[in-house]
N, C-alpha and C. Protein backbone atom coordinates (compact mmCIF):
# COMPACT_ATOMS: atom_id res chain seq x y z
N MET A 1 0.89 -1.17 0.15
CA MET A 1 0.06 -0.01 -0.07
C MET A 1 0.92 1.30 -0.05
N SER A 2 0.77 2.05 -1.03
CA SER A 2 1.44 3.29 -0.98
C SER A 2 0.51 4.47 -1.06
N LEU A 3 0.99 5.55 -0.41
CA LEU A 3 0.12 6.66 -0.16
C LEU A 3 0.43 7.70 -1.21
N ASN A 4 -0.40 8.48 -1.76
CA ASN A 4 -0.18 9.49 -2.57
C ASN A 4 0.25 10.66 -1.69
N PRO A 5 0.76 11.78 -2.30
CA PRO A 5 1.12 13.02 -1.47
C PRO A 5 0.09 13.53 -0.50
N VAL A 6 -1.07 13.63 -0.88
CA VAL A 6 -2.09 14.11 -0.11
C VAL A 6 -2.30 13.07 1.06
N GLU A 7 -2.35 11.82 0.76
CA GLU A 7 -2.49 10.76 1.99
C GLU A 7 -1.35 10.71 2.75
N ARG A 8 -0.03 11.04 2.39
CA ARG A 8 1.20 11.12 3.05
C ARG A 8 1.00 12.15 4.12
N GLN A 9 0.56 13.35 3.53
CA GLN A 9 0.37 14.60 4.44
C GLN A 9 -0.58 14.42 5.56
N THR A 10 -1.70 13.80 5.10
CA THR A 10 -2.71 13.53 6.23
C THR A 10 -2.26 12.69 7.28
N THR A 11 -1.59 11.59 6.82
CA THR A 11 -0.99 10.53 7.82
C THR A 11 -0.02 11.17 8.64
N SER A 12 0.87 11.97 8.18
CA SER A 12 2.01 12.59 8.93
C SER A 12 1.23 13.58 9.92
N GLN A 13 0.16 14.30 9.53
CA GLN A 13 -0.41 15.21 10.37
C GLN A 13 -1.19 14.50 11.66
N GLU A 14 -1.77 13.24 11.25
CA GLU A 14 -2.47 12.44 12.26
C GLU A 14 -1.49 11.91 13.39
N LEU A 15 -0.22 11.44 12.71
CA LEU A 15 0.75 10.87 13.71
C LEU A 15 1.33 12.10 14.52
N GLN A 16 1.52 13.27 13.90
CA GLN A 16 1.84 14.39 14.70
C GLN A 16 0.98 14.83 15.78
N ALA A 17 -0.37 14.80 15.45
CA ALA A 17 -1.35 15.15 16.45
C ALA A 17 -1.37 14.24 17.72
N ASN A 18 -1.21 12.93 17.40
CA ASN A 18 -1.29 11.96 18.51
C ASN A 18 -0.15 12.07 19.28
N PHE A 19 1.24 12.29 18.57
CA PHE A 19 2.39 12.51 19.27
C PHE A 19 2.24 13.76 20.36
N THR A 20 1.65 14.73 19.68
CA THR A 20 1.44 16.11 20.63
C THR A 20 0.51 15.69 21.73
N ARG A 21 -0.48 15.05 21.41
CA ARG A 21 -1.47 14.68 22.50
C ARG A 21 -0.88 13.84 23.63
N SER A 22 0.18 13.01 23.23
CA SER A 22 0.77 12.18 24.25
C SER A 22 1.47 12.85 25.26
N GLY A 23 2.03 14.07 24.90
CA GLY A 23 2.78 14.78 25.96
C GLY A 23 4.25 14.31 26.02
N LEU A 24 4.68 13.35 25.21
CA LEU A 24 5.85 12.69 25.26
C LEU A 24 6.91 13.53 24.37
N SER A 25 8.24 13.40 24.67
CA SER A 25 9.11 14.16 23.81
C SER A 25 9.58 13.04 22.86
N CYS A 26 10.39 13.70 21.92
CA CYS A 26 11.06 12.66 20.89
C CYS A 26 11.80 11.75 21.51
N ALA A 27 12.58 12.17 22.48
CA ALA A 27 13.63 11.47 23.31
C ALA A 27 12.91 10.38 24.01
N GLN A 28 11.89 10.62 24.70
CA GLN A 28 11.18 9.61 25.28
C GLN A 28 10.70 8.42 24.46
N VAL A 29 10.09 8.95 23.33
CA VAL A 29 9.62 7.88 22.29
C VAL A 29 10.73 7.14 21.73
N ALA A 30 11.73 7.75 21.51
CA ALA A 30 12.91 7.07 20.95
C ALA A 30 13.47 5.99 21.86
N VAL A 31 13.55 6.35 23.16
CA VAL A 31 14.05 5.35 24.07
C VAL A 31 13.14 4.14 24.08
N ALA A 32 11.86 4.35 24.07
CA ALA A 32 10.86 3.23 24.18
C ALA A 32 10.92 2.51 23.04
N LEU A 33 11.17 3.04 21.79
CA LEU A 33 11.18 2.30 20.63
C LEU A 33 12.52 1.97 20.10
N GLN A 34 13.54 2.23 21.04
CA GLN A 34 15.07 1.77 20.75
C GLN A 34 15.57 2.35 19.54
N THR A 35 15.47 3.74 19.39
CA THR A 35 16.00 4.43 18.10
C THR A 35 16.44 5.73 18.70
N THR A 36 16.55 6.73 17.76
CA THR A 36 16.87 8.02 18.03
C THR A 36 15.85 9.04 17.80
N PRO A 37 15.98 10.12 18.57
CA PRO A 37 14.88 11.34 18.36
C PRO A 37 14.74 11.73 16.89
N GLU A 38 15.96 11.65 16.20
CA GLU A 38 15.84 12.17 14.68
C GLU A 38 15.09 11.02 13.98
N ARG A 39 15.28 9.72 14.24
CA ARG A 39 14.41 8.80 13.54
C ARG A 39 12.87 9.02 13.88
N ILE A 40 12.59 9.32 15.10
CA ILE A 40 11.15 9.67 15.38
C ILE A 40 10.57 10.79 14.65
N LYS A 41 11.38 11.80 14.46
CA LYS A 41 11.03 12.92 13.69
C LYS A 41 10.81 12.64 12.26
N ALA A 42 11.61 11.72 11.69
CA ALA A 42 11.52 11.36 10.31
C ALA A 42 10.26 10.43 10.17
N VAL A 43 10.00 9.57 11.12
CA VAL A 43 8.89 8.78 10.95
C VAL A 43 7.49 9.68 11.05
N LEU A 44 7.55 10.74 11.90
CA LEU A 44 6.37 11.59 12.07
C LEU A 44 6.14 12.30 10.74
N ALA A 45 7.23 12.54 10.01
CA ALA A 45 7.16 13.24 8.75
C ALA A 45 7.01 12.28 7.48
N LEU A 46 6.83 10.89 7.84
CA LEU A 46 6.71 9.82 6.93
C LEU A 46 7.92 9.68 5.99
N LYS A 47 9.03 10.14 6.59
CA LYS A 47 10.36 9.89 5.72
C LYS A 47 10.91 8.59 6.16
N VAL A 48 10.43 7.57 5.81
CA VAL A 48 10.80 6.11 6.22
C VAL A 48 11.40 5.27 5.10
N GLN A 49 12.18 4.28 5.55
CA GLN A 49 12.80 3.24 4.57
C GLN A 49 11.93 2.08 4.62
N ARG A 50 11.22 1.88 5.85
CA ARG A 50 10.51 0.57 6.07
C ARG A 50 9.07 1.05 6.15
N ILE A 51 8.13 0.40 5.50
CA ILE A 51 6.69 0.77 5.36
C ILE A 51 6.10 0.39 6.66
N GLU A 52 6.66 -0.42 7.59
CA GLU A 52 6.17 -0.70 8.98
C GLU A 52 6.44 0.34 9.92
N ASP A 53 7.36 1.23 9.67
CA ASP A 53 7.68 2.34 10.86
C ASP A 53 6.44 3.00 11.35
N PRO A 54 5.71 3.64 10.31
CA PRO A 54 4.48 4.44 10.82
C PRO A 54 3.57 3.69 11.65
N TRP A 55 3.47 2.34 11.18
CA TRP A 55 2.53 1.45 12.12
C TRP A 55 3.05 1.29 13.44
N ILE A 56 4.43 1.12 13.54
CA ILE A 56 5.04 0.89 14.94
C ILE A 56 4.77 2.23 15.75
N LEU A 57 5.00 3.29 15.23
CA LEU A 57 4.84 4.46 15.94
C LEU A 57 3.35 4.77 16.20
N ARG A 58 2.51 4.54 15.29
CA ARG A 58 1.07 4.60 15.48
C ARG A 58 0.61 3.66 16.67
N ASN A 59 0.95 2.49 16.64
CA ASN A 59 0.56 1.61 17.71
C ASN A 59 1.21 1.97 19.11
N TYR A 60 2.31 2.50 19.15
CA TYR A 60 3.05 2.89 20.41
C TYR A 60 2.21 4.12 20.90
N LEU A 61 2.08 5.27 20.02
CA LEU A 61 1.21 6.30 20.49
C LEU A 61 -0.12 5.95 20.92
N ALA A 62 -0.77 5.18 20.27
CA ALA A 62 -2.08 4.69 20.63
C ALA A 62 -2.16 4.16 22.08
N GLN A 63 -1.15 3.29 22.34
CA GLN A 63 -0.97 2.67 23.62
C GLN A 63 -0.87 3.76 24.70
N GLN A 64 0.05 4.53 24.53
CA GLN A 64 0.31 5.68 25.44
C GLN A 64 -0.90 6.53 25.77
N LEU A 65 -1.64 6.94 24.64
CA LEU A 65 -2.69 7.69 24.95
C LEU A 65 -3.77 7.03 25.51
N VAL A 66 -4.11 5.77 25.34
CA VAL A 66 -5.12 5.01 26.09
C VAL A 66 -4.77 4.82 27.53
N GLN A 67 -3.40 4.64 27.83
CA GLN A 67 -3.00 4.48 29.26
C GLN A 67 -3.26 5.91 30.09
N GLN A 68 -3.18 6.94 29.21
CA GLN A 68 -3.49 8.30 29.83
C GLN A 68 -5.07 8.63 29.84
N GLY A 69 -5.74 7.84 29.25
CA GLY A 69 -7.19 8.25 29.12
C GLY A 69 -7.48 9.24 28.09
N ILE A 70 -6.68 9.24 27.09
CA ILE A 70 -6.83 10.27 26.01
C ILE A 70 -7.15 9.45 24.79
N THR A 71 -8.28 10.01 24.09
CA THR A 71 -8.77 9.36 22.79
C THR A 71 -7.78 9.65 21.66
N PRO A 72 -7.23 8.78 20.97
CA PRO A 72 -6.31 9.21 19.90
C PRO A 72 -7.15 9.79 18.73
N VAL A 73 -6.38 10.67 18.12
CA VAL A 73 -6.99 11.20 16.79
C VAL A 73 -7.07 10.13 15.73
N PRO A 74 -8.13 9.82 15.17
CA PRO A 74 -8.29 8.68 14.27
C PRO A 74 -7.36 8.74 13.08
N TYR A 75 -6.99 7.77 12.38
CA TYR A 75 -6.24 7.82 11.17
C TYR A 75 -7.17 7.38 10.14
N HIS A 76 -6.89 8.02 8.95
CA HIS A 76 -7.67 7.77 7.65
C HIS A 76 -6.98 6.63 6.83
N HIS A 77 -5.66 6.54 7.01
CA HIS A 77 -5.10 5.62 6.05
C HIS A 77 -4.29 4.35 6.88
N LEU A 78 -4.07 4.59 8.08
CA LEU A 78 -3.41 3.63 8.92
C LEU A 78 -4.57 2.96 9.86
N VAL A 79 -5.50 2.28 9.17
CA VAL A 79 -6.63 1.97 9.76
C VAL A 79 -6.67 0.30 10.09
N GLY A 80 -7.31 0.08 11.07
CA GLY A 80 -7.45 -1.32 11.43
C GLY A 80 -6.26 -1.92 12.05
N ASP A 81 -6.20 -3.25 11.91
CA ASP A 81 -5.12 -3.89 12.40
C ASP A 81 -4.02 -4.14 11.40
N ALA A 82 -2.77 -3.99 11.74
CA ALA A 82 -1.76 -3.99 10.68
C ALA A 82 -1.60 -5.43 10.23
N ALA A 83 -2.04 -6.52 11.03
CA ALA A 83 -2.20 -7.93 10.68
C ALA A 83 -3.09 -8.08 9.46
N ASP A 84 -3.83 -7.22 9.25
CA ASP A 84 -4.94 -7.45 8.11
C ASP A 84 -4.25 -7.14 6.81
N TYR A 85 -3.06 -6.51 6.74
CA TYR A 85 -2.32 -6.11 5.59
C TYR A 85 -1.19 -7.03 5.24
N TRP A 86 -1.36 -7.94 4.34
CA TRP A 86 -0.48 -8.95 3.95
C TRP A 86 0.93 -8.52 3.67
N PHE A 87 1.15 -7.22 3.14
CA PHE A 87 2.35 -6.81 2.67
C PHE A 87 3.35 -6.22 3.81
N LEU A 88 2.62 -6.06 5.22
CA LEU A 88 3.36 -5.60 6.17
C LEU A 88 4.17 -6.79 6.97
N ASN A 89 5.29 -6.47 7.38
CA ASN A 89 6.15 -7.47 8.16
C ASN A 89 5.58 -7.46 9.56
N GLN A 90 4.79 -8.44 9.98
CA GLN A 90 4.15 -8.47 11.16
C GLN A 90 5.20 -8.83 12.36
N ALA A 91 6.29 -9.66 12.07
CA ALA A 91 7.40 -9.76 13.16
C ALA A 91 7.92 -8.49 13.46
N ARG A 92 8.21 -7.69 12.43
CA ARG A 92 8.89 -6.21 12.75
C ARG A 92 7.97 -5.33 13.49
N ILE A 93 6.74 -5.47 13.24
CA ILE A 93 5.82 -4.50 13.93
C ILE A 93 5.68 -5.00 15.36
N ASN A 94 5.68 -6.33 15.65
CA ASN A 94 5.34 -6.91 16.94
C ASN A 94 6.64 -6.74 17.66
N ARG A 95 7.81 -6.54 17.09
CA ARG A 95 9.00 -6.30 18.00
C ARG A 95 9.04 -4.86 18.75
N GLU A 96 8.11 -4.04 18.14
CA GLU A 96 7.71 -2.69 18.73
C GLU A 96 9.17 -1.80 18.91
N ARG A 97 9.95 -1.92 17.79
CA ARG A 97 11.09 -1.22 17.81
C ARG A 97 11.27 -0.61 16.45
N LEU A 98 11.90 0.70 16.36
CA LEU A 98 12.20 1.23 15.01
C LEU A 98 13.73 1.01 14.86
């Protein structure tokens, strides 16, 4: 599944909105996902090399928001369960690491 430029912008905005709602810093998210703050910023902007990266960040942010009692901003293109998409590497997503 590839996104056109408008869909990429929408998805990036949705990721950013949920990141902001979480109240977490890039450094905190980076530690949790075993990566760097720069990589978190790249994923937020959808500048990724692996198609699973936005899903990993989406899942992490959703988990954090739910734990805080905050309703996540809904996604228009990262919808449902990643396991429903045959082309995504489920093992990579399930590792919960970027």
